[in-house]
Amino acid sequence: MPQDSFHYDKMIEGALRGVVRDALARASREGLPGDHHFYIGFATKEPGVELPASLLARFPDEMTIVVQHQFWDLKVEDERFSVVLSFQRQPERLVIPFAAIKSFADPSVNFALEFASPVAPATAGEQPAAEAGTETAALPTPAEEPKEERTTGEVVALDAFRKR
């Protein structure tokens, strides 16, 4: 088999991460139209990821956030994005490099992407801890001010979004 000196797989992955960047940038500028919302799964220990210690303790390997109704201060840069979400009624700032993202989905239009794992894969027969359940957080529109929420995050299995 010929060697791929161009590394097309890395080019494709970079282009698809650009789709995530563009979707987040649009949500940052315009909010989320209609029923659009994003599930973003990411490796929590990747370089550049910034999470509160309490969240890192709960999700040492992988975490999934949901960007839907309530999010604040969504900022998108070339290599990362940041957002403030509410966890147990406490606003917390998360910084997530695009390289740390493992999955992105917009269930409203049946769109999903999975990326090569930024962390070492689990050994055969071992299920990664994050696949058992992941954290989600409701996120507000940019025009809304942070306010006390009545609900907390819920555990969401990503199996419904995985291609088989």
Protein backbone atom coordinates (compact mmCIF):
# COMPACT_ATOMS: atom_id res chain seq x y z
CA MET A 1 0.00 0.00 0.00
CA PRO A 2 1.45 3.41 -0.95
CA GLN A 3 2.36 5.79 1.85
CA ASP A 4 0.08 8.83 2.25
CA SER A 5 2.64 11.62 2.33
CA PHE A 6 -0.11 14.23 2.25
CA HIS A 7 -1.84 12.84 5.36
CA TYR A 8 -5.30 13.24 3.87
CA ASP A 9 -6.89 11.81 7.01
CA LYS A 10 -5.48 14.70 9.06
CA MET A 11 -6.62 17.20 6.42
CA ILE A 12 -10.15 15.81 6.51
CA GLU A 13 -10.24 15.82 10.30
CA GLY A 14 -9.01 19.44 10.34
CA ALA A 15 -11.71 20.43 7.86
CA LEU A 16 -14.41 18.72 9.91
CA ARG A 17 -13.19 20.43 13.09
CA GLY A 18 -13.62 23.62 11.06
CA VAL A 19 -17.31 22.73 10.70
CA VAL A 20 -17.56 22.59 14.50
CA ARG A 21 -15.71 25.91 14.78
CA ASP A 22 -18.02 27.54 12.21
CA ALA A 23 -21.18 26.24 13.91
CA LEU A 24 -20.02 27.53 17.29
CA ALA A 25 -18.97 30.87 15.81
CA ARG A 26 -22.41 31.30 14.26
CA ALA A 27 -24.10 30.37 17.56
CA SER A 28 -21.86 32.93 19.28
CA ARG A 29 -22.93 35.69 16.88
CA GLU A 30 -26.59 34.80 16.24
CA GLY A 31 -27.70 32.37 18.92
CA LEU A 32 -29.17 29.00 17.98
CA PRO A 33 -31.99 29.15 15.41
CA GLY A 34 -35.01 26.87 15.66
CA ASP A 35 -34.39 23.58 17.40
CA HIS A 36 -30.63 23.52 16.79
CA HIS A 37 -28.52 22.43 19.74
CA PHE A 38 -25.09 20.87 20.08
CA TYR A 39 -23.72 17.89 21.96
CA ILE A 40 -19.95 18.29 22.28
CA GLY A 41 -17.89 15.44 23.72
CA PHE A 42 -14.29 16.14 24.59
CA ALA A 43 -11.28 14.65 26.35
CA THR A 44 -10.88 16.45 29.66
CA LYS A 45 -7.13 15.87 30.04
CA GLU A 46 -6.06 17.18 26.66
CA PRO A 47 -3.58 20.08 26.70
CA GLY A 48 -5.38 23.42 26.85
CA VAL A 49 -8.64 22.11 28.35
CA GLU A 50 -9.63 24.26 31.33
CA LEU A 51 -12.30 22.92 33.70
CA PRO A 52 -13.10 23.51 37.35
CA ALA A 53 -11.45 20.89 39.56
CA SER A 54 -14.87 19.58 40.66
CA LEU A 55 -15.82 18.73 37.07
CA LEU A 56 -12.46 17.20 36.30
CA ALA A 57 -12.85 14.98 39.36
CA ARG A 58 -16.28 13.81 38.15
CA PHE A 59 -15.19 13.39 34.53
CA PRO A 60 -11.50 12.51 34.55
CA ASP A 61 -11.37 11.32 30.93
CA GLU A 62 -14.29 12.57 28.85
CA MET A 63 -17.24 14.91 29.25
CA THR A 64 -20.13 15.93 27.04
CA ILE A 65 -21.81 19.32 27.22
CA VAL A 66 -25.05 20.38 25.58
CA VAL A 67 -25.24 23.86 24.10
CA GLN A 68 -28.93 24.60 23.84
CA HIS A 69 -30.98 27.11 25.82
CA GLN A 70 -28.59 28.61 28.31
CA PHE A 71 -25.00 29.54 27.66
CA TRP A 72 -23.03 32.68 28.33
CA ASP A 73 -19.96 34.32 26.91
CA LEU A 74 -19.39 31.84 24.05
CA LYS A 75 -16.11 32.86 22.44
CA VAL A 76 -14.64 31.08 19.45
CA GLU A 77 -10.98 31.35 18.50
CA ASP A 78 -8.96 29.56 15.82
CA GLU A 79 -7.81 26.72 18.07
CA ARG A 80 -10.34 26.67 20.92
CA PHE A 81 -13.62 27.94 22.29
CA SER A 82 -14.78 28.97 25.73
CA VAL A 83 -18.22 29.11 27.27
CA VAL A 84 -19.81 29.68 30.66
CA LEU A 85 -22.30 26.98 31.71
CA SER A 86 -24.23 26.36 34.89
CA PHE A 87 -23.38 23.28 36.95
CA GLN A 88 -25.50 22.79 40.06
CA ARG A 89 -26.56 26.45 39.84
CA GLN A 90 -22.94 27.60 39.72
CA PRO A 91 -21.67 29.33 36.55
CA GLU A 92 -18.39 27.77 35.40
CA ARG A 93 -16.12 28.73 32.52
CA LEU A 94 -14.88 25.92 30.27
CA VAL A 95 -12.12 26.28 27.70
CA ILE A 96 -12.01 23.51 25.10
CA PRO A 97 -9.45 23.25 22.31
CA PHE A 98 -10.92 21.92 19.05
CA ALA A 99 -8.21 19.23 19.12
CA ALA A 100 -9.77 17.84 22.34
CA ILE A 101 -13.21 17.34 20.78
CA LYS A 102 -14.12 13.69 20.27
CA SER A 103 -17.71 14.13 19.03
CA PHE A 104 -20.08 16.82 17.86
CA ALA A 105 -23.78 16.40 17.11
CA ASP A 106 -26.77 18.55 16.27
CA PRO A 107 -29.67 16.11 16.84
CA SER A 108 -32.22 18.59 15.48
CA VAL A 109 -30.97 17.88 11.95
CA ASN A 110 -29.55 14.39 12.54
CA PHE A 111 -25.95 15.60 12.09
CA ALA A 112 -23.03 14.00 13.91
CA LEU A 113 -19.25 13.87 13.67
CA GLU A 114 -16.79 11.65 15.50
CA PHE A 115 -13.09 12.38 15.57
CA ALA A 116 -10.03 10.25 16.12
CA SER A 117 -9.60 9.92 19.85
CA PRO A 118 -7.16 12.51 21.21
CA VAL A 119 -6.38 10.11 24.07
CA ALA A 120 -5.09 6.55 24.00
CA PRO A 121 -7.88 4.09 23.15
CA ALA A 122 -9.15 1.64 25.77
CA THR A 123 -7.79 -1.89 25.65
CA ALA A 124 -9.95 -4.65 24.19
CA GLY A 125 -12.98 -5.38 26.32
CA GLU A 126 -12.53 -2.27 28.45
CA GLN A 127 -15.21 0.40 28.27
CA PRO A 128 -13.98 3.98 28.70
CA ALA A 129 -15.46 5.55 31.84
CA ALA A 130 -17.05 8.39 29.90
CA GLU A 131 -19.10 6.11 27.67
CA ALA A 132 -21.08 4.91 30.66
CA GLY A 133 -22.52 8.42 31.05
CA THR A 134 -21.55 11.99 30.45
CA GLU A 135 -22.40 15.38 31.92
CA THR A 136 -24.65 17.75 30.09
CA ALA A 137 -25.46 21.34 30.85
CA ALA A 138 -28.27 23.53 29.60
CA LEU A 139 -26.88 26.66 27.97
CA PRO A 140 -28.66 30.12 27.58
CA THR A 141 -28.89 32.38 24.56
CA PRO A 142 -26.20 35.08 24.43
CA ALA A 143 -28.70 37.85 25.20
CA GLU A 144 -29.80 36.23 28.46
CA GLU A 145 -28.13 37.01 31.73
CA PRO A 146 -27.07 34.17 34.03
CA LYS A 147 -29.88 33.34 36.41
CA GLU A 148 -30.67 30.68 38.92
CA GLU A 149 -31.68 27.42 37.29
CA ARG A 150 -34.10 24.88 38.70
CA THR A 151 -32.63 21.85 36.97
CA THR A 152 -29.21 20.30 37.07
CA GLY A 153 -27.34 18.45 34.34
CA GLU A 154 -28.47 15.04 33.29
CA VAL A 155 -26.56 11.99 32.14
CA VAL A 156 -26.90 11.33 28.42
CA ALA A 157 -25.67 8.21 26.63
CA LEU A 158 -24.04 9.05 23.31
CA ASP A 159 -24.93 5.70 21.73
CA ALA A 160 -27.91 7.25 19.93
CA PHE A 161 -25.52 9.54 18.02
CA ARG A 162 -22.86 6.97 17.13
CA LYS A 163 -22.83 5.52 13.65
CA ARG A 164 -22.80 1.75 13.74
